[in-house]
Amino acid sequence: MKFSATIVSRKTKKYFEKLKKIHYKYNFTLKLSMSMDLKSAIKSAVERYIDLQGTQFSQNIYHDILGLTEQHLIKTVLQKTDNNRSQAAKILGISRVTLIKKLKDL
């Protein structure tokens, strides 16, 4: 009985190792794909925004775009976390206090 348990254990271990490799490759490809989608979406949005501005550029276009992006990012993450500020701050990679300060500025 012990012998068969060892074989099953080895086979199970090999199976899970294969699953980990497949998951890693899939997850990496998915993240890379999402990253590329995000990059192209941002590029497209910024280009459209600048095209719409024509020659009437704001003197602060850099801060305008970053401010709008940050505002939408924070609001979206808060919605996804059911307004749980601690969880949202963790996802955003900032402290809860920083998140609260940013919310006051919105």
Protein backbone atom coordinates (compact mmCIF):
# COMPACT_ATOMS: atom_id res chain seq x y z
CA MET A 1 0.00 0.00 0.00
CA LYS A 2 2.79 2.38 0.86
CA PHE A 3 4.39 1.73 -2.52
CA SER A 4 1.27 2.73 -4.48
CA ALA A 5 0.81 5.83 -2.31
CA THR A 6 4.37 6.87 -3.20
CA ILE A 7 3.69 6.41 -6.91
CA VAL A 8 0.47 8.38 -6.68
CA SER A 9 2.28 11.05 -4.73
CA ARG A 10 5.01 11.32 -7.40
CA LYS A 11 2.49 11.39 -10.23
CA THR A 12 0.43 14.01 -8.40
CA LYS A 13 3.53 16.10 -7.80
CA LYS A 14 4.52 15.92 -11.49
CA TYR A 15 0.96 16.77 -12.51
CA PHE A 16 0.88 19.84 -10.28
CA GLU A 17 4.29 20.95 -11.52
CA LYS A 18 2.97 20.79 -15.10
CA LEU A 19 -0.13 22.72 -14.06
CA LYS A 20 2.04 25.42 -12.45
CA LYS A 21 4.07 25.80 -15.65
CA ILE A 22 0.94 26.03 -17.79
CA HIS A 23 -0.65 28.50 -15.37
CA TYR A 24 2.52 30.63 -15.30
CA LYS A 25 2.76 30.75 -19.10
CA TYR A 26 -0.95 31.52 -19.48
CA ASN A 27 -0.93 34.10 -16.70
CA PHE A 28 2.21 35.79 -18.07
CA THR A 29 0.73 35.90 -21.59
CA LEU A 30 -2.57 37.23 -20.25
CA LYS A 31 -0.83 39.94 -18.20
CA LEU A 32 1.35 40.88 -21.17
CA SER A 33 -1.72 41.04 -23.39
CA MET A 34 -3.62 43.16 -20.85
CA SER A 35 -0.60 45.43 -20.49
CA MET A 36 -0.41 45.91 -24.24
CA ASP A 37 -4.17 46.56 -24.40
CA LEU A 38 -3.86 49.17 -21.66
CA LYS A 39 -0.89 50.82 -23.37
CA SER A 40 -2.72 51.03 -26.68
CA ALA A 41 -5.90 52.29 -24.99
CA ILE A 42 -3.98 55.04 -23.19
CA LYS A 43 -2.09 55.98 -26.35
CA SER A 44 -5.31 56.16 -28.34
CA ALA A 45 -7.11 58.21 -25.67
CA VAL A 46 -4.24 60.69 -25.32
CA GLU A 47 -3.96 61.09 -29.10
CA ARG A 48 -7.72 61.69 -29.40
CA TYR A 49 -7.64 64.20 -26.54
CA ILE A 50 -4.78 66.12 -28.13
CA ASP A 51 -6.49 66.03 -31.55
CA LEU A 52 -9.66 67.45 -30.03
CA GLN A 53 -7.67 70.25 -28.41
CA GLY A 54 -6.40 71.39 -31.79
CA THR A 55 -4.20 74.43 -31.16
CA GLN A 56 -6.00 75.31 -27.91
CA PHE A 57 -3.66 73.42 -25.60
CA SER A 58 -3.89 73.87 -21.88
CA GLN A 59 -0.70 75.20 -20.34
CA ASN A 60 -0.89 72.27 -17.98
CA ILE A 61 -1.82 69.36 -20.28
CA TYR A 62 0.52 66.93 -18.49
CA HIS A 63 -1.14 67.53 -15.13
CA ASP A 64 -4.62 67.61 -16.71
CA ILE A 65 -4.19 64.16 -18.22
CA LEU A 66 -2.54 62.65 -15.13
CA GLY A 67 -5.22 64.14 -12.89
CA LEU A 68 -8.07 62.76 -14.97
CA THR A 69 -6.42 59.37 -15.24
CA GLU A 70 -5.78 59.19 -11.50
CA GLN A 71 -9.33 60.28 -10.73
CA HIS A 72 -10.88 57.59 -12.93
CA LEU A 73 -8.47 54.94 -11.67
CA ILE A 74 -9.30 55.66 -8.03
CA LYS A 75 -13.05 55.78 -8.66
CA THR A 76 -12.99 52.52 -10.63
CA VAL A 77 -10.95 50.66 -8.01
CA LEU A 78 -13.23 51.94 -5.25
CA GLN A 79 -16.28 50.73 -7.17
CA LYS A 80 -14.69 47.30 -7.68
CA THR A 81 -13.92 47.03 -3.95
CA ASP A 82 -17.38 48.23 -2.87
CA ASN A 83 -15.79 51.43 -1.50
CA ASN A 84 -13.45 49.50 0.79
CA ARG A 85 -10.68 52.09 1.14
CA SER A 86 -8.16 49.71 2.70
CA GLN A 87 -8.57 47.18 -0.08
CA ALA A 88 -8.53 49.90 -2.77
CA ALA A 89 -5.36 51.43 -1.35
CA LYS A 90 -3.70 48.02 -1.36
CA ILE A 91 -4.66 47.43 -5.02
CA LEU A 92 -3.45 50.92 -5.97
CA GLY A 93 -0.18 50.42 -4.13
CA ILE A 94 -0.63 53.47 -1.90
CA SER A 95 -1.37 53.91 1.77
CA ARG A 96 -4.92 54.34 3.01
CA VAL A 97 -4.03 57.82 4.27
CA THR A 98 -2.75 58.80 0.81
CA LEU A 99 -5.94 57.47 -0.75
CA ILE A 100 -8.06 59.52 1.64
CA LYS A 101 -6.04 62.66 0.80
CA LYS A 102 -6.47 62.01 -2.91
CA LEU A 103 -10.21 61.50 -2.44
CA LYS A 104 -10.45 64.89 -0.75
CA ASP A 105 -8.72 66.46 -3.77
CA LEU A 106 -11.15 64.91 -6.27
